[in-house]
Amino acid sequence: MADTGSSWQWLCLVVLGLLLFKTNGVYVPITYVQSAVAKGAVCLDGSPPAYHWDKGYGTGVNSWLIQLEGGGWCNNATSCLVRKNTHLGSSKRMVKQIPFSGILNNKHMFNPDFYNWNRVKVRYCDGSSFTGDVAAVNPITNLHFRGGRVWLAVMEDLLSKGMINAENAVMSGCSAGGLASILHCDSFRALLPMGTKVKCISDAGYFINAKDVSGGHYIQTFFDQLVATHGSAKNLPPYCTSRMKPGLCFFPQYMAQQIRTPLFFINAAYDSWQIRNILAPGIADPHGYWESCKLDIKNCLPGQIKVMQGFRSQFLAALLRLGKSASRGLFIDSCFAHCQTEMQELWYMQDSPLLNKTKIGKAVGDWFYDRNPFQKIDCAYPCNPTCHNRVYDG
């Protein structure tokens, strides 16, 4: 009996492994852009930028999907020094292979509209959403603030490898990468031939300028410091920086209305990162009243849910500030989630979250190919039973 039990456990592990491999898709090796170093286009520690590229095939051979990695930001020398010694600040610390899932998946059944495109994951190692550009390097910290140069150097490398011939192109990104996909959207369009069909996707990148639970402006102050530290102003939209201080131009509500290239916004109205870091950051909650709620929305007290409903209202107001656009896509669900395009179970699976009976992957594909427009905003929490609400470890 013991042997039978062991065999059964082994079989279960094999099946589980195969399922994970099947849904994650292929593992893709890293490419370092060594030529970028001479241009000063480097990570925080001075190492070369990097990306992972799974080549397109068949009908997708001249189509490109560029996914910008997320991972927060550093706003001063202290936080950037910590970041410098991680994969978010140095390509020396990055794993050599990563699995491509969700919007990057190479299987038709899991990613029907982009599976055979050239799919690229651009690694994030500058801490500024690819906007920084400070020429001088502090000899004491040896920190390089060159995110804007990194973005351009990677794009130039991809253009030389065939992206210049793109018939279709998408720049997407999650979180800090989702913000970068907004900020660089028109620049991406400008790099490609006039005849290329170009659109951008921002996944969990619509960060809003909202007060925290103590009444403070934590996120606004943070972005002010970030822009100053990284010298980002020169890489932010000039129509925004000419009207307000550069730090505010990190918020899409103040600059995205002027982006000319079609944009699709995928966001949870109760974005778990924004709830945890904009609405209730630790500095605004010294007694930890929000700690349990931030780990799992099911733990939230009625009063906290009420505050979060207010945050949703602010989020929707910031989104609607952009005005109407027939070319824009919206998938705003009422989940407690953050980043939904690269997780297979959220992007395109049997039980993926639905809005208007539509999965994220289908909504985005329909929008890109002009099969159907998609601009849907979910009803308020807890109305959507298809949500995969995120639970954080304590």
Protein backbone atom coordinates (compact mmCIF):
# COMPACT_ATOMS: atom_id res chain seq x y z
CA MET A 1 0.00 0.00 0.00
CA ALA A 2 2.84 2.36 0.83
CA ASP A 3 4.31 1.84 -2.64
CA THR A 4 0.93 2.54 -4.23
CA GLY A 5 0.57 5.74 -2.22
CA SER A 6 4.05 6.92 -3.17
CA SER A 7 3.41 6.16 -6.83
CA TRP A 8 0.15 8.10 -6.69
CA GLN A 9 1.85 11.11 -5.09
CA TRP A 10 4.60 10.99 -7.71
CA LEU A 11 2.03 10.81 -10.51
CA CYS A 12 0.15 13.80 -9.06
CA LEU A 13 3.37 15.83 -8.93
CA VAL A 14 4.19 14.94 -12.54
CA VAL A 15 0.69 15.91 -13.70
CA LEU A 16 0.87 19.18 -11.73
CA GLY A 17 4.26 19.94 -13.24
CA LEU A 18 2.99 19.27 -16.75
CA LEU A 19 -0.03 21.49 -16.17
CA LEU A 20 2.17 24.33 -14.93
CA PHE A 21 4.51 23.91 -17.90
CA LYS A 22 1.55 23.78 -20.25
CA THR A 23 -0.02 27.01 -18.99
CA ASN A 24 3.24 28.90 -18.41
CA GLY A 25 4.40 28.27 -21.94
CA VAL A 26 8.02 28.28 -22.96
CA TYR A 27 11.02 29.40 -20.88
CA VAL A 28 12.82 32.18 -22.71
CA PRO A 29 16.54 33.02 -22.29
CA ILE A 30 17.87 36.47 -21.48
CA THR A 31 19.56 38.79 -23.99
CA TYR A 32 21.91 41.51 -22.72
CA VAL A 33 22.17 44.72 -24.75
CA GLN A 34 25.93 45.17 -24.40
CA SER A 35 26.00 47.93 -27.04
CA ALA A 36 23.85 50.10 -24.76
CA VAL A 37 26.65 50.57 -22.23
CA ALA A 38 28.61 52.89 -24.53
CA LYS A 39 25.49 55.06 -24.80
CA GLY A 40 25.21 55.29 -21.02
CA ALA A 41 21.98 53.28 -21.21
CA VAL A 42 22.48 51.15 -18.12
CA CYS A 43 20.80 49.77 -15.01
CA LEU A 44 21.17 51.46 -11.63
CA ASP A 45 24.48 49.65 -11.03
CA GLY A 46 25.89 50.35 -14.50
CA SER A 47 25.19 46.87 -15.91
CA PRO A 48 23.66 46.53 -19.41
CA PRO A 49 19.90 46.41 -19.95
CA ALA A 50 18.28 43.10 -20.85
CA TYR A 51 15.23 41.47 -22.36
CA HIS A 52 13.78 38.05 -23.21
CA TRP A 53 12.61 37.44 -26.79
CA ASP A 54 10.57 34.54 -28.11
CA LYS A 55 10.56 34.84 -31.90
CA GLY A 56 7.35 35.05 -33.87
CA TYR A 57 6.35 32.51 -36.48
CA GLY A 58 3.75 31.86 -39.15
CA THR A 59 1.27 34.71 -39.48
CA GLY A 60 2.90 36.45 -36.49
CA VAL A 61 6.43 36.70 -37.85
CA ASN A 62 6.09 40.46 -38.49
CA SER A 63 4.06 41.27 -35.39
CA TRP A 64 5.69 42.43 -32.14
CA LEU A 65 4.47 42.60 -28.55
CA ILE A 66 6.77 44.44 -26.15
CA GLN A 67 5.98 43.85 -22.47
CA LEU A 68 7.66 46.26 -20.03
CA GLU A 69 8.36 44.67 -16.66
CA GLY A 70 7.03 46.30 -13.51
CA GLY A 71 8.42 46.46 -9.99
CA GLY A 72 7.82 49.78 -8.26
CA TRP A 73 10.32 52.63 -8.12
CA CYS A 74 13.10 54.13 -6.03
CA ASN A 75 12.74 57.79 -5.12
CA ASN A 76 16.07 58.72 -3.51
CA ALA A 77 19.67 57.56 -3.18
CA THR A 78 18.89 55.41 -0.14
CA SER A 79 16.11 53.38 -1.76
CA CYS A 80 17.98 53.19 -5.08
CA LEU A 81 21.09 51.82 -3.32
CA VAL A 82 18.98 49.01 -1.87
CA ARG A 83 17.43 48.36 -5.27
CA LYS A 84 20.81 48.41 -7.02
CA ASN A 85 21.68 45.04 -5.48
CA THR A 86 18.54 43.26 -6.74
CA HIS A 87 17.25 42.14 -10.14
CA LEU A 88 15.31 45.44 -10.24
CA GLY A 89 18.57 47.39 -10.28
CA SER A 90 21.10 45.13 -11.95
CA SER A 91 21.03 42.74 -14.89
CA LYS A 92 23.75 40.78 -13.08
CA ARG A 93 21.06 39.72 -10.59
CA MET A 94 18.46 38.64 -13.15
CA VAL A 95 17.59 34.99 -13.74
CA LYS A 96 18.76 33.69 -17.11
CA GLN A 97 15.38 32.27 -18.17
CA ILE A 98 11.79 33.22 -17.39
CA PRO A 99 8.47 31.55 -18.29
CA PHE A 100 6.21 33.38 -20.72
CA SER A 101 2.57 33.20 -19.64
CA GLY A 102 -0.61 35.20 -20.15
CA ILE A 103 -0.20 37.79 -22.89
CA LEU A 104 3.28 36.33 -23.56
CA ASN A 105 2.14 32.69 -23.84
CA ASN A 106 3.14 30.88 -27.05
CA LYS A 107 0.09 28.61 -27.15
CA HIS A 108 -3.06 29.49 -29.10
CA MET A 109 -5.39 28.02 -26.48
CA PHE A 110 -4.01 30.35 -23.79
CA ASN A 111 -3.30 33.47 -25.86
CA PRO A 112 -5.28 33.26 -29.12
CA ASP A 113 -4.43 36.66 -30.59
CA PHE A 114 -0.73 37.09 -29.77
CA TYR A 115 0.65 33.55 -29.31
CA ASN A 116 2.74 33.51 -32.51
CA TRP A 117 3.94 37.12 -32.42
CA ASN A 118 7.46 38.15 -31.52
CA ARG A 119 6.95 38.45 -27.76
CA VAL A 120 9.49 40.42 -25.75
CA LYS A 121 9.77 40.95 -22.00
CA VAL A 122 11.90 44.05 -21.32
CA ARG A 123 13.52 43.78 -17.90
CA TYR A 124 13.16 46.68 -15.48
CA CYS A 125 16.34 47.77 -13.71
CA ASP A 126 16.27 51.59 -13.50
CA GLY A 127 13.61 52.33 -10.87
CA SER A 128 11.99 55.20 -12.81
CA SER A 129 9.51 53.56 -15.22
CA PHE A 130 12.14 53.98 -17.94
CA THR A 131 12.23 57.80 -17.64
CA GLY A 132 15.48 58.74 -15.88
CA ASP A 133 18.37 60.59 -17.50
CA VAL A 134 21.05 62.05 -15.25
CA ALA A 135 24.40 62.31 -17.05
CA ALA A 136 26.57 62.49 -13.93
CA VAL A 137 27.30 59.40 -11.86
CA ASN A 138 27.82 59.96 -8.15
CA PRO A 139 31.30 58.56 -7.39
CA ILE A 140 30.27 57.57 -3.87
CA THR A 141 27.06 55.66 -4.66
CA ASN A 142 27.93 54.76 -8.28
CA LEU A 143 24.21 55.03 -9.06
CA HIS A 144 23.19 55.48 -12.69
CA PHE A 145 19.83 57.14 -13.35
CA ARG A 146 19.36 56.28 -17.02
CA GLY A 147 15.94 54.68 -17.46
CA GLY A 148 14.99 56.82 -20.46
CA ARG A 149 18.18 55.83 -22.24
CA VAL A 150 17.57 52.16 -21.39
CA TRP A 151 14.14 52.21 -23.02
CA LEU A 152 15.48 53.77 -26.22
CA ALA A 153 18.52 51.49 -26.42
CA VAL A 154 16.38 48.37 -26.06
CA MET A 155 13.94 49.61 -28.70
CA GLU A 156 16.81 50.37 -31.10
CA ASP A 157 18.21 46.88 -30.56
CA LEU A 158 14.83 45.30 -31.30
CA LEU A 159 14.37 47.48 -34.39
CA SER A 160 17.70 46.16 -35.70
CA LYS A 161 16.50 42.59 -35.10
CA GLY A 162 13.40 42.93 -37.25
CA MET A 163 10.93 45.14 -35.40
CA ILE A 164 11.50 47.83 -38.04
CA ASN A 165 9.49 45.56 -40.38
CA ALA A 166 6.56 45.23 -37.98
CA GLU A 167 3.09 45.14 -39.49
CA ASN A 168 1.49 45.04 -36.03
CA ALA A 169 3.01 46.26 -32.77
CA VAL A 170 1.85 46.50 -29.17
CA MET A 171 3.70 48.01 -26.24
CA SER A 172 2.29 46.71 -22.99
CA GLY A 173 3.39 46.67 -19.38
CA CYS A 174 2.37 45.88 -15.84
CA SER A 175 2.43 48.27 -12.85
CA ALA A 176 5.50 50.54 -13.20
CA GLY A 177 5.80 49.01 -16.67
CA GLY A 178 2.14 49.82 -17.31
CA LEU A 179 2.85 53.44 -16.47
CA ALA A 180 5.87 53.35 -18.79
CA SER A 181 3.70 51.99 -21.62
CA ILE A 182 1.56 55.14 -21.32
CA LEU A 183 4.50 57.54 -21.03
CA HIS A 184 6.37 56.02 -23.99
CA CYS A 185 3.38 55.10 -26.14
CA ASP A 186 3.66 57.89 -28.71
CA SER A 187 7.46 57.55 -28.78
CA PHE A 188 7.03 53.86 -29.58
CA ARG A 189 4.65 54.74 -32.39
CA ALA A 190 7.18 57.26 -33.77
CA LEU A 191 9.94 54.62 -34.00
CA LEU A 192 7.91 52.40 -36.32
CA PRO A 193 6.94 52.78 -40.00
CA MET A 194 3.84 54.83 -40.79
CA GLY A 195 1.98 51.77 -42.07
CA THR A 196 2.41 49.75 -38.87
CA LYS A 197 -0.69 49.17 -36.74
CA VAL A 198 0.44 50.33 -33.28
CA LYS A 199 -1.44 50.28 -29.98
CA CYS A 200 -0.48 50.31 -26.29
CA ILE A 201 -1.78 48.49 -23.22
CA SER A 202 -1.43 49.67 -19.63
CA ASP A 203 -2.02 46.92 -17.08
CA ALA A 204 -2.33 48.24 -13.51
CA GLY A 205 -0.48 51.39 -14.56
CA TYR A 206 -3.19 53.97 -13.90
CA PHE A 207 -1.90 55.27 -10.57
CA ILE A 208 -4.05 58.05 -9.16
CA ASN A 209 -3.22 61.15 -7.16
CA ALA A 210 -5.26 60.45 -4.04
CA LYS A 211 -4.88 61.33 -0.37
CA ASP A 212 -3.97 58.55 2.02
CA VAL A 213 -6.06 57.55 5.05
CA SER A 214 -4.31 60.14 7.23
CA GLY A 215 -5.17 62.94 4.80
CA GLY A 216 -1.61 63.20 3.53
CA HIS A 217 -0.25 63.26 -0.03
CA TYR A 218 2.19 60.37 0.28
CA ILE A 219 2.19 59.23 -3.36
CA GLN A 220 2.41 62.79 -4.73
CA THR A 221 5.45 63.50 -2.57
CA PHE A 222 6.98 60.16 -3.59
CA PHE A 223 6.61 60.92 -7.31
CA ASP A 224 8.01 64.44 -6.82
CA GLN A 225 11.12 62.93 -5.24
CA LEU A 226 11.39 60.23 -7.90
CA VAL A 227 11.28 62.69 -10.79
CA ALA A 228 13.87 64.93 -9.11
CA THR A 229 16.22 62.04 -8.28
CA HIS A 230 16.11 60.47 -11.75
CA GLY A 231 15.99 63.68 -13.79
CA SER A 232 12.81 62.35 -15.38
CA ALA A 233 11.20 65.66 -16.38
CA LYS A 234 12.84 65.70 -19.83
CA ASN A 235 11.21 62.34 -20.64
CA LEU A 236 7.71 63.24 -19.45
CA PRO A 237 5.06 64.62 -21.84
CA PRO A 238 5.91 68.31 -22.48
CA TYR A 239 2.26 69.31 -22.75
CA CYS A 240 1.96 68.22 -19.11
CA THR A 241 5.26 69.55 -17.73
CA SER A 242 4.54 72.95 -19.33
CA ARG A 243 1.33 73.22 -17.27
CA MET A 244 2.20 71.66 -13.92
CA LYS A 245 5.12 70.44 -11.83
CA PRO A 246 6.84 67.40 -13.35
CA GLY A 247 5.99 65.06 -10.47
CA LEU A 248 2.29 65.35 -11.29
CA CYS A 249 3.02 64.23 -14.85
CA PHE A 250 3.73 60.74 -13.50
CA PHE A 251 -0.02 60.43 -12.88
CA PRO A 252 -1.88 59.32 -16.04
CA GLN A 253 -4.92 61.43 -15.08
CA TYR A 254 -2.89 64.56 -15.93
CA MET A 255 -1.16 63.42 -19.12
CA ALA A 256 -2.80 60.39 -20.78
CA GLN A 257 -5.55 62.40 -22.49
CA GLN A 258 -2.94 63.78 -24.90
CA ILE A 259 -1.57 60.39 -25.98
CA ARG A 260 -2.48 60.05 -29.66
CA THR A 261 -1.80 56.32 -30.05
CA PRO A 262 -4.73 54.03 -29.05
CA LEU A 263 -4.49 52.87 -25.43
CA PHE A 264 -6.19 50.07 -23.53
CA PHE A 265 -6.40 50.44 -19.73
CA ILE A 266 -6.70 47.23 -17.71
CA ASN A 267 -7.08 47.99 -14.02
CA ALA A 268 -8.79 46.79 -10.90
CA ALA A 269 -10.85 49.60 -9.39
CA TYR A 270 -9.62 48.29 -6.02
CA ASP A 271 -6.05 47.88 -7.26
CA SER A 272 -4.33 46.01 -4.45
CA TRP A 273 -1.02 47.88 -4.86
CA GLN A 274 -2.75 51.25 -4.76
CA ILE A 275 -4.85 50.29 -1.73
CA ARG A 276 -1.68 49.14 0.05
CA ASN A 277 0.64 51.97 -1.01
CA ILE A 278 -1.45 55.00 -2.00
CA LEU A 279 -4.57 54.76 0.16
CA ALA A 280 -3.10 53.08 3.25
CA PRO A 281 0.72 53.16 3.18
CA GLY A 282 2.42 52.18 6.42
CA ILE A 283 3.45 55.78 7.12
CA ALA A 284 -0.23 56.81 7.17
CA ASP A 285 -1.26 53.86 9.35
CA PRO A 286 1.21 53.82 12.27
CA HIS A 287 -1.00 51.59 14.44
CA GLY A 288 -1.55 48.97 11.75
CA TYR A 289 -5.33 49.39 11.57
CA TRP A 290 -5.24 48.53 7.85
CA GLU A 291 -2.72 45.67 7.97
CA SER A 292 -5.17 42.75 7.95
CA CYS A 293 -7.42 44.40 5.36
CA LYS A 294 -4.47 45.02 3.02
CA LEU A 295 -3.56 41.32 3.11
CA ASP A 296 -7.01 40.06 2.12
CA ILE A 297 -10.07 42.11 1.18
CA LYS A 298 -12.23 39.55 3.03
CA ASN A 299 -10.61 40.78 6.26
CA CYS A 300 -11.73 44.38 5.72
CA LEU A 301 -14.16 45.88 8.21
CA PRO A 302 -17.31 47.67 6.97
CA GLY A 303 -15.70 51.06 7.64
CA GLN A 304 -12.65 50.10 5.59
CA ILE A 305 -14.80 48.85 2.71
CA LYS A 306 -16.56 52.21 2.76
CA VAL A 307 -13.20 54.00 2.47
CA MET A 308 -12.23 51.69 -0.38
CA GLN A 309 -15.51 52.42 -2.16
CA GLY A 310 -14.53 56.08 -1.91
CA PHE A 311 -11.15 55.23 -3.44
CA ARG A 312 -12.92 53.46 -6.31
CA SER A 313 -14.97 56.61 -6.92
CA GLN A 314 -11.77 58.68 -7.03
CA PHE A 315 -10.18 56.17 -9.40
CA LEU A 316 -13.13 56.28 -11.79
CA ALA A 317 -13.21 60.09 -11.66
CA ALA A 318 -9.49 60.19 -12.51
CA LEU A 319 -10.10 57.79 -15.40
CA LEU A 320 -13.09 59.68 -16.76
CA ARG A 321 -11.00 62.86 -16.64
CA LEU A 322 -9.44 61.63 -19.89
CA GLY A 323 -12.69 62.26 -21.76
CA LYS A 324 -14.20 60.05 -24.41
CA SER A 325 -12.22 58.33 -27.14
CA ALA A 326 -13.54 55.69 -29.53
CA SER A 327 -10.05 54.21 -29.91
CA ARG A 328 -9.55 53.65 -26.17
CA GLY A 329 -10.08 50.32 -24.46
CA LEU A 330 -11.21 49.89 -20.84
CA PHE A 331 -11.38 46.75 -18.71
CA ILE A 332 -11.95 48.06 -15.18
CA ASP A 333 -12.98 45.18 -12.94
CA SER A 334 -13.92 45.30 -9.28
CA CYS A 335 -11.32 42.83 -8.10
CA PHE A 336 -8.65 43.21 -5.41
CA ALA A 337 -5.82 42.57 -7.85
CA HIS A 338 -2.73 44.09 -9.43
CA CYS A 339 -1.37 43.11 -12.86
CA GLN A 340 -3.66 40.79 -14.78
CA THR A 341 -2.10 40.34 -18.25
CA GLU A 342 0.88 38.12 -17.41
CA MET A 343 -0.91 35.74 -15.03
CA GLN A 344 -2.43 32.98 -17.14
CA GLU A 345 -5.36 32.38 -14.80
CA LEU A 346 -6.35 36.04 -15.09
CA TRP A 347 -5.59 36.58 -18.79
CA TYR A 348 -7.26 33.66 -20.56
CA MET A 349 -8.34 30.49 -18.77
CA GLN A 350 -11.61 28.64 -18.20
CA ASP A 351 -12.30 30.52 -14.95
CA SER A 352 -10.64 33.86 -15.72
CA PRO A 353 -12.31 37.07 -14.46
CA LEU A 354 -15.13 38.29 -16.68
CA LEU A 355 -16.51 41.69 -17.51
CA ASN A 356 -19.58 41.77 -19.72
CA LYS A 357 -19.07 37.96 -20.03
CA THR A 358 -15.67 38.63 -21.61
CA LYS A 359 -12.16 37.58 -20.53
CA ILE A 360 -9.34 40.13 -20.53
CA GLY A 361 -7.47 38.30 -23.30
CA LYS A 362 -10.50 38.34 -25.59
CA ALA A 363 -11.35 41.97 -24.86
CA VAL A 364 -7.80 43.07 -25.72
CA GLY A 365 -7.63 40.96 -28.88
CA ASP A 366 -11.01 42.23 -30.12
CA TRP A 367 -9.88 45.81 -29.48
CA PHE A 368 -6.50 45.46 -31.16
CA TYR A 369 -7.91 43.89 -34.32
CA ASP A 370 -10.90 46.27 -34.39
CA ARG A 371 -13.34 43.36 -34.17
CA ASN A 372 -15.22 44.94 -31.28
CA PRO A 373 -14.59 48.00 -29.11
CA PHE A 374 -14.40 47.30 -25.37
CA GLN A 375 -15.02 50.00 -22.75
CA LYS A 376 -16.49 48.40 -19.64
CA ILE A 377 -16.44 49.42 -15.98
CA ASP A 378 -17.53 46.84 -13.41
CA CYS A 379 -20.15 47.36 -10.72
CA ALA A 380 -18.86 47.94 -7.17
CA TYR A 381 -17.32 45.26 -4.93
CA PRO A 382 -18.40 42.57 -4.14
CA CYS A 383 -20.60 42.22 -7.22
CA ASN A 384 -18.27 40.22 -9.49
CA PRO A 385 -18.10 36.50 -8.53
CA THR A 386 -15.47 35.79 -11.22
CA CYS A 387 -12.76 37.87 -9.49
CA HIS A 388 -9.54 36.23 -8.33
CA ASN A 389 -8.94 38.51 -5.36
CA ARG A 390 -5.31 38.58 -4.32
CA VAL A 391 -4.28 37.34 -0.87
CA TYR A 392 -0.90 38.53 0.44
CA ASP A 393 1.32 36.77 2.95
CA GLY A 394 1.47 38.45 6.33
